[in-house]
Amino acid sequence: MTTTNSKSTAPNPEATGAMEFITLDHVAREAGIPPREARMMLRLAAKQTKQYPNLGKEHEPRQPWQWLPGSKGLEEARKALSPAV
């Protein structure tokens, strides 16, 4: 008696690298600040919905800060972490 393995053949996006996210650690290194400080700054910026409307919408509570490349939330995060001129 033989049995067949009924595994799904759908590709896992995480395994293939199709879903590449830009993480808080990467954005914090770009800005030259520690990740802990960057998280605090992003939490404050996410509350400012007029200045950063997409930053709070794209982030889920208790989830890591991560963005798809080219997203509006990523642009706002970089803006929030950039030094004030």
C-alpha atoms as a PDB file:
ATOM      1  CA  MET A   1       0.000   0.000   0.000  1.00  0.00           C
ATOM      2  CA  THR A   2       1.438   3.354  -0.985  1.00  0.00           C
ATOM      3  CA  THR A   3       0.459   6.742   0.283  1.00  0.00           C
ATOM      4  CA  THR A   4       0.854  10.028  -1.464  1.00  0.00           C
ATOM      5  CA  ASN A   5       2.043  13.120   0.223  1.00  0.00           C
ATOM      6  CA  SER A   6      -0.524  15.883  -0.258  1.00  0.00           C
ATOM      7  CA  LYS A   7       1.667  18.910   0.382  1.00  0.00           C
ATOM      8  CA  SER A   8       0.690  22.196  -1.136  1.00  0.00           C
ATOM      9  CA  THR A   9       2.826  23.171  -4.108  1.00  0.00           C
ATOM     10  CA  ALA A  10       2.106  26.897  -3.731  1.00  0.00           C
ATOM     11  CA  PRO A  11       5.364  28.786  -3.290  1.00  0.00           C
ATOM     12  CA  ASN A  12       5.956  30.376   0.083  1.00  0.00           C
ATOM     13  CA  PRO A  13       6.602  34.102  -0.522  1.00  0.00           C
ATOM     14  CA  GLU A  14       8.915  34.292   2.480  1.00  0.00           C
ATOM     15  CA  ALA A  15      10.982  31.343   1.290  1.00  0.00           C
ATOM     16  CA  THR A  16      11.346  32.661  -2.252  1.00  0.00           C
ATOM     17  CA  GLY A  17      12.145  36.202  -1.152  1.00  0.00           C
ATOM     18  CA  ALA A  18       9.163  37.683  -3.004  1.00  0.00           C
ATOM     19  CA  MET A  19       8.104  39.705   0.035  1.00  0.00           C
ATOM     20  CA  GLU A  20      11.153  41.792   0.836  1.00  0.00           C
ATOM     21  CA  PHE A  21      10.493  44.246   3.628  1.00  0.00           C
ATOM     22  CA  ILE A  22      12.610  47.156   4.772  1.00  0.00           C
ATOM     23  CA  THR A  23      12.894  46.929   8.547  1.00  0.00           C
ATOM     24  CA  LEU A  24      13.258  49.514  11.254  1.00  0.00           C
ATOM     25  CA  ASP A  25      16.855  48.408  11.803  1.00  0.00           C
ATOM     26  CA  HIS A  26      17.751  49.277   8.212  1.00  0.00           C
ATOM     27  CA  VAL A  27      16.058  52.695   8.325  1.00  0.00           C
ATOM     28  CA  ALA A  28      17.636  53.468  11.712  1.00  0.00           C
ATOM     29  CA  ARG A  29      21.113  52.639  10.344  1.00  0.00           C
ATOM     30  CA  GLU A  30      20.446  54.973   7.393  1.00  0.00           C
ATOM     31  CA  ALA A  31      19.544  57.755   9.822  1.00  0.00           C
ATOM     32  CA  GLY A  32      22.501  56.955  12.096  1.00  0.00           C
ATOM     33  CA  ILE A  33      20.454  56.439  15.256  1.00  0.00           C
ATOM     34  CA  PRO A  34      19.935  53.406  17.502  1.00  0.00           C
ATOM     35  CA  PRO A  35      16.875  51.252  16.685  1.00  0.00           C
ATOM     36  CA  ARG A  36      15.400  51.796  20.155  1.00  0.00           C
ATOM     37  CA  GLU A  37      15.447  55.565  19.697  1.00  0.00           C
ATOM     38  CA  ALA A  38      14.011  55.171  16.192  1.00  0.00           C
ATOM     39  CA  ARG A  39      11.076  53.146  17.549  1.00  0.00           C
ATOM     40  CA  MET A  40      10.309  55.852  20.090  1.00  0.00           C
ATOM     41  CA  MET A  41      10.454  58.533  17.413  1.00  0.00           C
ATOM     42  CA  LEU A  42       8.188  56.549  15.080  1.00  0.00           C
ATOM     43  CA  ARG A  43       5.618  55.971  17.819  1.00  0.00           C
ATOM     44  CA  LEU A  44       5.421  59.722  18.392  1.00  0.00           C
ATOM     45  CA  ALA A  45       5.316  60.463  14.665  1.00  0.00           C
ATOM     46  CA  ALA A  46       2.526  57.927  14.063  1.00  0.00           C
ATOM     47  CA  LYS A  47       0.317  59.924  16.433  1.00  0.00           C
ATOM     48  CA  GLN A  48       0.767  63.042  14.280  1.00  0.00           C
ATOM     49  CA  THR A  49      -1.766  62.039  11.649  1.00  0.00           C
ATOM     50  CA  LYS A  50      -1.764  65.381   9.838  1.00  0.00           C
ATOM     51  CA  GLN A  51       1.976  65.360   9.218  1.00  0.00           C
ATOM     52  CA  TYR A  52       2.400  61.574   8.745  1.00  0.00           C
ATOM     53  CA  PRO A  53      -0.989  60.179   7.614  1.00  0.00           C
ATOM     54  CA  ASN A  54       0.279  56.824   6.275  1.00  0.00           C
ATOM     55  CA  LEU A  55       2.771  56.000   9.014  1.00  0.00           C
ATOM     56  CA  GLY A  56       0.127  55.099  11.590  1.00  0.00           C
ATOM     57  CA  LYS A  57      -2.171  53.428   9.075  1.00  0.00           C
ATOM     58  CA  GLU A  58       0.455  50.992   7.796  1.00  0.00           C
ATOM     59  CA  HIS A  59       1.746  49.923  11.217  1.00  0.00           C
ATOM     60  CA  GLU A  60      -0.063  47.270  13.234  1.00  0.00           C
ATOM     61  CA  PRO A  61       0.259  47.503  17.035  1.00  0.00           C
ATOM     62  CA  ARG A  62       2.631  44.970  18.589  1.00  0.00           C
ATOM     63  CA  GLN A  63       4.118  44.137  15.196  1.00  0.00           C
ATOM     64  CA  PRO A  64       7.596  45.017  13.955  1.00  0.00           C
ATOM     65  CA  TRP A  65       8.076  48.237  12.029  1.00  0.00           C
ATOM     66  CA  GLN A  66       8.561  47.155   8.417  1.00  0.00           C
ATOM     67  CA  TRP A  67       7.601  48.561   5.046  1.00  0.00           C
ATOM     68  CA  LEU A  68       7.452  47.483   1.442  1.00  0.00           C
ATOM     69  CA  PRO A  69      10.032  49.267  -0.725  1.00  0.00           C
ATOM     70  CA  GLY A  70       8.601  52.438  -2.228  1.00  0.00           C
ATOM     71  CA  SER A  71       5.619  52.663   0.134  1.00  0.00           C
ATOM     72  CA  LYS A  72       4.353  55.999   1.426  1.00  0.00           C
ATOM     73  CA  GLY A  73       4.803  54.795   5.000  1.00  0.00           C
ATOM     74  CA  LEU A  74       8.501  54.176   4.362  1.00  0.00           C
ATOM     75  CA  GLU A  75       8.946  57.684   2.978  1.00  0.00           C
ATOM     76  CA  GLU A  76       7.213  59.128   6.040  1.00  0.00           C
ATOM     77  CA  ALA A  77       9.325  57.000   8.400  1.00  0.00           C
ATOM     78  CA  ARG A  78      12.525  58.240   6.782  1.00  0.00           C
ATOM     79  CA  LYS A  79      11.232  61.807   7.018  1.00  0.00           C
ATOM     80  CA  ALA A  80      10.327  61.360  10.702  1.00  0.00           C
ATOM     81  CA  LEU A  81      13.773  59.930  11.507  1.00  0.00           C
ATOM     82  CA  SER A  82      15.748  62.501   9.547  1.00  0.00           C
ATOM     83  CA  PRO A  83      17.407  65.233  11.614  1.00  0.00           C
ATOM     84  CA  ALA A  84      15.555  68.532  11.754  1.00  0.00           C
ATOM     85  CA  VAL A  85      17.146  71.184   9.565  1.00  0.00           C
END
